[in-house]
PDB file of N, CA and C in Angstrom:
ATOM      1  N   ASN A   1       0.828  -1.220   0.000  1.00  0.00           N
ATOM      2  CA  ASN A   1       0.000   0.000   0.000  1.00  0.00           C
ATOM      3  C   ASN A   1       0.856   1.262   0.000  1.00  0.00           C
ATOM      4  N   VAL A   2       0.246   2.404  -0.062  1.00  0.00           N
ATOM      5  CA  VAL A   2       0.979   3.669  -0.148  1.00  0.00           C
ATOM      6  C   VAL A   2       1.608   4.050   1.185  1.00  0.00           C
ATOM      7  N   PHE A   3       1.178   3.361   2.256  1.00  0.00           N
ATOM      8  CA  PHE A   3       1.667   3.717   3.584  1.00  0.00           C
ATOM      9  C   PHE A   3       3.051   3.156   3.869  1.00  0.00           C
ATOM     10  N   THR A   4       3.560   2.349   2.951  1.00  0.00           N
ATOM     11  CA  THR A   4       4.833   1.690   3.187  1.00  0.00           C
ATOM     12  C   THR A   4       5.971   2.697   3.294  1.00  0.00           C
ATOM     13  N   ARG A   5       5.917   3.767   2.549  1.00  0.00           N
ATOM     14  CA  ARG A   5       7.006   4.736   2.590  1.00  0.00           C
ATOM     15  C   ARG A   5       6.922   5.609   3.835  1.00  0.00           C
ATOM     16  N   ARG A   6       5.710   5.841   4.355  1.00  0.00           N
ATOM     17  CA  ARG A   6       5.598   6.630   5.582  1.00  0.00           C
ATOM     18  C   ARG A   6       4.713   5.923   6.600  1.00  0.00           C
ATOM     19  N   PRO A   7       5.328   5.274   7.597  1.00  0.00           N
ATOM     20  CA  PRO A   7       4.600   4.519   8.613  1.00  0.00           C
ATOM     21  C   PRO A   7       3.686   5.415   9.458  1.00  0.00           C
ATOM     22  N   VAL A   8       3.994   6.698   9.512  1.00  0.00           N
ATOM     23  CA  VAL A   8       3.216   7.633  10.333  1.00  0.00           C
ATOM     24  C   VAL A   8       1.873   7.939   9.688  1.00  0.00           C
ATOM     25  N   VAL A   9       1.800   7.717   8.385  1.00  0.00           N
ATOM     26  CA  VAL A   9       0.601   8.045   7.620  1.00  0.00           C
ATOM     27  C   VAL A   9      -0.581   7.136   7.936  1.00  0.00           C
ATOM     28  N   THR A  10      -0.276   5.934   8.427  1.00  0.00           N
ATOM     29  CA  THR A  10      -1.322   4.939   8.650  1.00  0.00           C
ATOM     30  C   THR A  10      -2.398   5.468   9.597  1.00  0.00           C
ATOM     31  N   LYS A  11      -1.996   6.298  10.546  1.00  0.00           N
ATOM     32  CA  LYS A  11      -2.973   6.843  11.489  1.00  0.00           C
ATOM     33  C   LYS A  11      -3.667   8.068  10.889  1.00  0.00           C
ATOM     34  N   ASN A  12      -3.078   8.593   9.815  1.00  0.00           N
ATOM     35  CA  ASN A  12      -3.641   9.770   9.168  1.00  0.00           C
ATOM     36  C   ASN A  12      -4.401   9.426   7.900  1.00  0.00           C
ATOM     37  N   HIS A  13      -4.429   8.137   7.547  1.00  0.00           N
ATOM     38  CA  HIS A  13      -5.018   7.741   6.267  1.00  0.00           C
ATOM     39  C   HIS A  13      -6.522   7.998   6.246  1.00  0.00           C
ATOM     40  N   LYS A  14      -7.083   8.236   7.415  1.00  0.00           N
ATOM     41  CA  LYS A  14      -8.512   8.554   7.493  1.00  0.00           C
ATOM     42  C   LYS A  14      -8.750   9.980   6.984  1.00  0.00           C
ATOM     43  N   ASN A  15      -7.656  10.746   6.911  1.00  0.00           N
ATOM     44  CA  ASN A  15      -7.739  12.116   6.419  1.00  0.00           C
ATOM     45  C   ASN A  15      -7.629  12.160   4.898  1.00  0.00           C
ATOM     46  N   SER A  16      -7.502  10.977   4.296  1.00  0.00           N
ATOM     47  CA  SER A  16      -7.410  10.847   2.842  1.00  0.00           C
ATOM     48  C   SER A  16      -6.118  11.439   2.289  1.00  0.00           C
ATOM     49  N   ASN A  17      -5.075  11.513   3.137  1.00  0.00           N
ATOM     50  CA  ASN A  17      -3.789  12.019   2.675  1.00  0.00           C
ATOM     51  C   ASN A  17      -3.077  10.969   1.833  1.00  0.00           C
ATOM     52  N   CYS A  18      -3.339   9.710   2.158  1.00  0.00           N
ATOM     53  CA  CYS A  18      -2.796   8.597   1.383  1.00  0.00           C
ATOM     54  C   CYS A  18      -1.288   8.668   1.226  1.00  0.00           C
ATOM     55  N   GLY A  19      -0.559   9.111   2.254  1.00  0.00           N
ATOM     56  CA  GLY A  19       0.897   9.111   2.205  1.00  0.00           C
ATOM     57  C   GLY A  19       1.472  10.322   1.509  1.00  0.00           C
ATOM     58  N   LYS A  20       0.636  11.178   0.964  1.00  0.00           N
ATOM     59  CA  LYS A  20       1.127  12.363   0.258  1.00  0.00           C
ATOM     60  C   LYS A  20       1.703  13.374   1.244  1.00  0.00           C
ATOM     61  N   ARG A  21       0.990  13.585   2.358  1.00  0.00           N
ATOM     62  CA  ARG A  21       1.470  14.513   3.372  1.00  0.00           C
ATOM     63  C   ARG A  21       0.977  14.108   4.748  1.00  0.00           C
ATOM     64  N   PRO A  22       1.882  13.569   5.585  1.00  0.00           N
ATOM     65  CA  PRO A  22       1.516  13.129   6.930  1.00  0.00           C
ATOM     66  C   PRO A  22       1.213  14.304   7.852  1.00  0.00           C
ATOM     67  N   VAL A  23      -0.034  14.654   8.001  1.00  0.00           N
ATOM     68  CA  VAL A  23      -0.413  15.767   8.858  1.00  0.00           C
ATOM     69  C   VAL A  23      -0.386  15.295  10.307  1.00  0.00           C
TER      70      VAL A  23
END
């Protein structure tokens, strides 16, 4: 998945950032 490059994004994926920008 797209979260592989940024592990921090997994908790932010509900924001629909999809690894583009970990808010």
